[in-house]
Amino acid sequence: MNSDTILWFLCNLAELGVIGLLAHRRVWHTFPVFFAYSIWSLLGNAGLVSILHWYPPSSQIYVSTYLGNMFVDSVLMFGVMVELAWSVLRPVRASLPQSARFAVAVGIAALGGAIWVFVSVPGHLPKTFALLARLQQTSSILQILVFLVLISSSHLLSLGWRNREMQIATGFGFYSFVNLAAAMLRTHMSTWAQYSHLNQFVVASYLATMLYWAISFAQIEPERRKFTPEMQRILLAAAGTARSARITLTNHHSGNTKK
């Protein structure tokens, strides 16, 4: 049994433990998309390893499967980030308009689109590999930014390291930072040995993330604190501005219709 097989086996074992803890601690009830993502990650990784057993990494079948897996992963990750941002707003959600969740999703999507535009990959890469590298970098940068926003505003958001939102974001932030560095390095590699060693390092960082989540989810989450008065004023003012803008647009549209 080689080192790659051992790493993948340990990752799958750790993922099973995390999924079990998510179910046991009923985290799936608060974060259903994250729970679905965890299950998909386990199944997707197992599928890629199975295909790799029969086809080389350079084969079109493996590359196409990996690209499809990455696309589904990115879609679910977008859902996780929207779910995470919406959960952060839990203390004041009752005071926010119904369209607030949609606004959060649009904001994250717009940020992801801006990152996609500015991300660049070497022009010598084949089209499929260039798309894959760009998708990986965009997703990783977006996750890192979400993590940094939570860290920098944790006091205003009344979040601590034992809160599930912070734990989930920390895990994704760490792994995304390693994955982003690896994605950028892969574009400059010329041998399979270099790629293999780097991939082992990425898998090891994923294992570290799983172990961190397993330790975190094994503990009981403390009761969520209320937002600071400053943050409540900011959010309610933003919600009021958005509601006023929507009413103005609706009235303007109604006036034009009557005319």
Protein backbone atom coordinates (compact mmCIF):
# COMPACT_ATOMS: atom_id res chain seq x y z
CA MET A 1 0.00 0.00 0.00
CA ASN A 2 1.60 3.27 -1.15
CA SER A 3 1.42 6.68 0.50
CA ASP A 4 -1.31 7.94 -1.86
CA THR A 5 -3.59 5.04 -0.97
CA ILE A 6 -2.96 5.50 2.75
CA LEU A 7 -3.77 9.23 2.55
CA TRP A 8 -6.99 8.65 0.62
CA PHE A 9 -8.05 5.90 3.03
CA LEU A 10 -7.44 8.15 6.05
CA CYS A 11 -9.36 11.01 4.36
CA ASN A 12 -12.35 8.77 3.67
CA LEU A 13 -12.28 7.48 7.24
CA ALA A 14 -12.11 11.04 8.60
CA GLU A 15 -14.94 12.15 6.30
CA LEU A 16 -17.14 9.32 7.55
CA GLY A 17 -16.39 10.44 11.10
CA VAL A 18 -17.29 14.07 10.29
CA ILE A 19 -20.57 13.03 8.61
CA GLY A 20 -21.41 10.87 11.63
CA LEU A 21 -20.75 13.78 14.01
CA LEU A 22 -22.83 16.14 11.83
CA ALA A 23 -25.72 13.72 12.16
CA HIS A 24 -25.15 13.04 15.87
CA ARG A 25 -24.88 16.73 16.81
CA ARG A 26 -27.78 17.59 14.47
CA VAL A 27 -25.58 20.08 12.63
CA TRP A 28 -27.26 18.85 9.45
CA HIS A 29 -30.46 20.54 10.64
CA THR A 30 -28.81 23.99 10.72
CA PHE A 31 -26.44 23.42 7.80
CA PRO A 32 -28.18 20.99 5.39
CA VAL A 33 -26.17 22.16 2.37
CA PHE A 34 -22.90 21.65 4.23
CA PHE A 35 -24.11 18.18 5.22
CA ALA A 36 -24.96 17.40 1.58
CA TYR A 37 -21.57 18.77 0.51
CA SER A 38 -19.80 16.47 2.98
CA ILE A 39 -21.62 13.41 1.62
CA TRP A 40 -20.94 14.47 -1.98
CA SER A 41 -17.25 15.03 -1.18
CA LEU A 42 -16.97 11.51 0.22
CA LEU A 43 -18.71 9.89 -2.75
CA GLY A 44 -16.98 12.10 -5.32
CA ASN A 45 -13.51 11.42 -3.97
CA ALA A 46 -14.21 7.69 -3.81
CA GLY A 47 -15.39 7.80 -7.43
CA LEU A 48 -12.26 9.62 -8.59
CA VAL A 49 -10.00 7.14 -6.82
CA SER A 50 -11.90 4.26 -8.45
CA ILE A 51 -11.51 5.78 -11.92
CA LEU A 52 -7.84 6.48 -11.24
CA HIS A 53 -7.40 2.76 -10.56
CA TRP A 54 -8.44 1.96 -14.14
CA TYR A 55 -7.38 5.06 -16.08
CA PRO A 56 -4.23 7.24 -15.87
CA PRO A 57 -4.60 10.87 -14.69
CA SER A 58 -3.80 12.11 -18.19
CA SER A 59 -6.68 10.17 -19.79
CA GLN A 60 -9.66 12.08 -21.15
CA ILE A 61 -12.06 10.00 -19.04
CA TYR A 62 -10.34 10.93 -15.79
CA VAL A 63 -9.93 14.60 -16.74
CA SER A 64 -13.60 14.90 -17.79
CA THR A 65 -14.76 13.18 -14.60
CA TYR A 66 -12.53 15.40 -12.48
CA LEU A 67 -13.86 18.51 -14.21
CA GLY A 68 -17.47 17.40 -13.66
CA ASN A 69 -16.70 16.65 -10.02
CA MET A 70 -15.13 20.08 -9.62
CA PHE A 71 -18.17 21.77 -11.17
CA VAL A 72 -20.60 20.05 -8.78
CA ASP A 73 -18.23 20.78 -5.91
CA SER A 74 -18.21 24.50 -6.82
CA VAL A 75 -22.00 24.67 -7.04
CA LEU A 76 -22.41 23.01 -3.65
CA MET A 77 -19.67 25.20 -2.20
CA PHE A 78 -21.55 28.28 -3.36
CA GLY A 79 -24.60 26.94 -1.53
CA VAL A 80 -22.50 26.35 1.59
CA MET A 81 -21.21 29.94 1.56
CA VAL A 82 -24.74 31.35 1.16
CA GLU A 83 -25.92 29.06 3.97
CA LEU A 84 -23.00 30.12 6.13
CA ALA A 85 -23.58 33.84 5.55
CA TRP A 86 -27.30 33.43 6.25
CA SER A 87 -26.58 31.53 9.45
CA VAL A 88 -24.24 34.31 10.61
CA LEU A 89 -27.21 36.69 10.39
CA ARG A 90 -29.34 34.42 12.59
CA PRO A 91 -29.68 36.88 15.53
CA VAL A 92 -31.36 39.52 13.33
CA ARG A 93 -32.95 37.43 10.57
CA ALA A 94 -36.44 38.07 11.94
CA SER A 95 -35.93 41.80 11.32
CA LEU A 96 -34.65 41.36 7.76
CA PRO A 97 -36.87 41.34 4.64
CA GLN A 98 -37.69 38.04 2.97
CA SER A 99 -35.46 38.94 0.04
CA ALA A 100 -32.39 39.21 2.29
CA ARG A 101 -31.28 35.64 1.61
CA PHE A 102 -31.54 36.23 -2.13
CA ALA A 103 -29.51 39.42 -1.72
CA VAL A 104 -26.82 37.46 0.15
CA ALA A 105 -26.68 34.88 -2.67
CA VAL A 106 -26.45 37.60 -5.34
CA GLY A 107 -23.68 39.36 -3.42
CA ILE A 108 -21.58 36.19 -3.11
CA ALA A 109 -22.22 35.32 -6.77
CA ALA A 110 -21.18 38.81 -7.85
CA LEU A 111 -17.98 38.52 -5.80
CA GLY A 112 -17.27 35.14 -7.37
CA GLY A 113 -17.87 36.58 -10.84
CA ALA A 114 -15.44 39.42 -10.16
CA ILE A 115 -12.80 36.95 -8.99
CA TRP A 116 -13.36 34.80 -12.10
CA VAL A 117 -12.71 37.81 -14.35
CA PHE A 118 -9.42 38.71 -12.67
CA VAL A 119 -8.06 35.18 -12.24
CA SER A 120 -5.52 34.36 -14.94
CA VAL A 121 -3.94 31.08 -16.02
CA PRO A 122 -0.99 30.47 -18.37
CA GLY A 123 -1.96 30.54 -22.03
CA HIS A 124 -0.04 27.34 -22.86
CA LEU A 125 -2.45 25.15 -20.89
CA PRO A 126 -5.01 23.07 -22.82
CA LYS A 127 -8.55 24.44 -22.68
CA THR A 128 -9.84 21.82 -20.22
CA PHE A 129 -6.92 22.25 -17.82
CA ALA A 130 -7.15 26.04 -18.06
CA LEU A 131 -10.87 25.89 -17.16
CA LEU A 132 -10.14 23.57 -14.27
CA ALA A 133 -7.33 25.77 -12.92
CA ARG A 134 -9.49 28.89 -13.18
CA LEU A 135 -12.42 27.20 -11.45
CA GLN A 136 -10.20 25.96 -8.63
CA GLN A 137 -8.58 29.34 -8.07
CA THR A 138 -11.89 31.22 -8.16
CA SER A 139 -13.53 28.87 -5.66
CA SER A 140 -10.50 28.91 -3.35
CA ILE A 141 -10.15 32.71 -3.37
CA LEU A 142 -13.87 33.13 -2.66
CA GLN A 143 -13.70 30.75 0.30
CA ILE A 144 -10.62 32.52 1.67
CA LEU A 145 -12.35 35.90 1.43
CA VAL A 146 -15.44 34.59 3.26
CA PHE A 147 -13.16 33.23 6.00
CA LEU A 148 -11.25 36.52 6.28
CA VAL A 149 -14.49 38.51 6.50
CA LEU A 150 -15.72 36.30 9.34
CA ILE A 151 -12.41 36.54 11.18
CA SER A 152 -12.11 40.31 10.80
CA SER A 153 -15.71 40.95 11.87
CA SER A 154 -16.05 38.16 14.45
CA HIS A 155 -16.42 40.65 17.30
CA LEU A 156 -19.22 42.57 15.60
CA LEU A 157 -20.87 39.31 14.53
CA SER A 158 -20.55 37.90 18.07
CA LEU A 159 -18.82 34.79 16.76
CA GLY A 160 -16.31 32.69 18.67
CA TRP A 161 -14.10 29.78 17.65
CA ARG A 162 -16.59 27.32 19.12
CA ASN A 163 -19.45 28.54 16.93
CA ARG A 164 -20.23 26.23 14.00
CA GLU A 165 -20.09 29.08 11.48
CA MET A 166 -16.54 29.93 12.47
CA GLN A 167 -15.46 26.28 12.59
CA ILE A 168 -16.82 25.54 9.10
CA ALA A 169 -15.30 28.71 7.64
CA THR A 170 -11.93 28.04 9.30
CA GLY A 171 -11.73 24.55 7.84
CA PHE A 172 -12.59 25.74 4.35
CA GLY A 173 -10.29 28.75 4.68
CA PHE A 174 -7.26 26.64 5.60
CA TYR A 175 -7.82 24.03 2.91
CA SER A 176 -8.62 26.66 0.27
CA PHE A 177 -5.39 28.53 1.02
CA VAL A 178 -3.36 25.33 0.45
CA ASN A 179 -5.43 24.38 -2.61
CA LEU A 180 -5.00 27.85 -4.13
CA ALA A 181 -1.24 27.73 -3.70
CA ALA A 182 -1.18 24.25 -5.22
CA ALA A 183 -3.39 25.27 -8.16
CA MET A 184 -1.02 28.12 -8.97
CA LEU A 185 2.05 25.89 -8.68
CA ARG A 186 0.53 23.17 -10.90
CA THR A 187 0.47 25.53 -13.87
CA HIS A 188 4.28 25.71 -13.76
CA MET A 189 5.06 22.01 -13.26
CA SER A 190 6.55 19.88 -15.99
CA THR A 191 6.83 16.39 -14.49
CA TRP A 192 4.34 13.95 -13.03
CA ALA A 193 6.54 13.42 -9.95
CA GLN A 194 6.25 17.12 -9.04
CA TYR A 195 2.48 17.02 -9.49
CA SER A 196 2.21 13.83 -7.41
CA HIS A 197 4.17 15.24 -4.45
CA LEU A 198 2.15 18.45 -4.49
CA ASN A 199 -1.09 16.49 -4.66
CA GLN A 200 -0.04 14.48 -1.59
CA PHE A 201 0.50 17.73 0.31
CA VAL A 202 -2.99 18.97 -0.69
CA VAL A 203 -4.59 15.68 0.37
CA ALA A 204 -2.72 15.87 3.70
CA SER A 205 -4.12 19.38 4.27
CA TYR A 206 -7.61 18.05 3.50
CA LEU A 207 -7.07 15.32 6.09
CA ALA A 208 -6.01 17.99 8.60
CA THR A 209 -9.24 19.88 7.85
CA MET A 210 -11.32 16.74 8.44
CA LEU A 211 -9.56 16.09 11.76
CA TYR A 212 -10.13 19.71 12.82
CA TRP A 213 -13.83 19.41 12.00
CA ALA A 214 -14.08 16.07 13.79
CA ILE A 215 -12.60 17.58 16.97
CA SER A 216 -14.78 20.71 16.64
CA PHE A 217 -18.08 18.93 15.93
CA ALA A 218 -17.48 16.47 18.74
CA GLN A 219 -17.92 19.37 21.18
CA ILE A 220 -21.22 20.94 22.14
CA GLU A 221 -21.70 24.36 20.57
CA PRO A 222 -22.28 27.22 23.05
CA GLU A 223 -25.42 29.31 22.71
CA ARG A 224 -25.09 31.97 20.05
CA ARG A 225 -24.62 35.47 21.45
CA LYS A 226 -26.63 38.41 20.19
CA PHE A 227 -25.07 40.93 17.83
CA THR A 228 -23.42 44.00 19.27
CA PRO A 229 -25.61 47.14 19.16
CA GLU A 230 -23.33 48.59 16.47
CA MET A 231 -23.82 45.58 14.20
CA GLN A 232 -27.58 45.54 14.77
CA ARG A 233 -27.82 49.18 13.71
CA ILE A 234 -25.72 48.54 10.60
CA LEU A 235 -27.76 45.52 9.48
CA LEU A 236 -31.14 47.07 10.20
CA ALA A 237 -30.12 50.26 8.40
CA ALA A 238 -28.99 48.21 5.39
CA ALA A 239 -32.26 46.27 5.43
CA GLY A 240 -34.26 49.50 5.62
CA THR A 241 -32.34 50.97 2.70
CA ALA A 242 -32.90 47.86 0.61
CA ARG A 243 -36.62 47.83 1.45
CA SER A 244 -37.00 51.50 0.53
CA ALA A 245 -35.20 50.97 -2.77
CA ARG A 246 -37.46 48.02 -3.60
CA ILE A 247 -40.61 50.03 -2.80
CA THR A 248 -39.37 52.92 -4.94
CA LEU A 249 -38.68 50.62 -7.88
CA THR A 250 -42.09 48.97 -7.50
CA ASN A 251 -43.90 52.31 -7.41
CA HIS A 252 -41.92 53.56 -10.39
CA HIS A 253 -42.80 50.43 -12.37
CA SER A 254 -46.48 50.78 -11.42
CA GLY A 255 -46.48 54.41 -12.52
CA ASN A 256 -44.99 53.54 -15.87
CA THR A 257 -47.55 50.77 -16.37
CA LYS A 258 -50.45 53.12 -15.73
CA LYS A 259 -49.07 55.62 -18.20
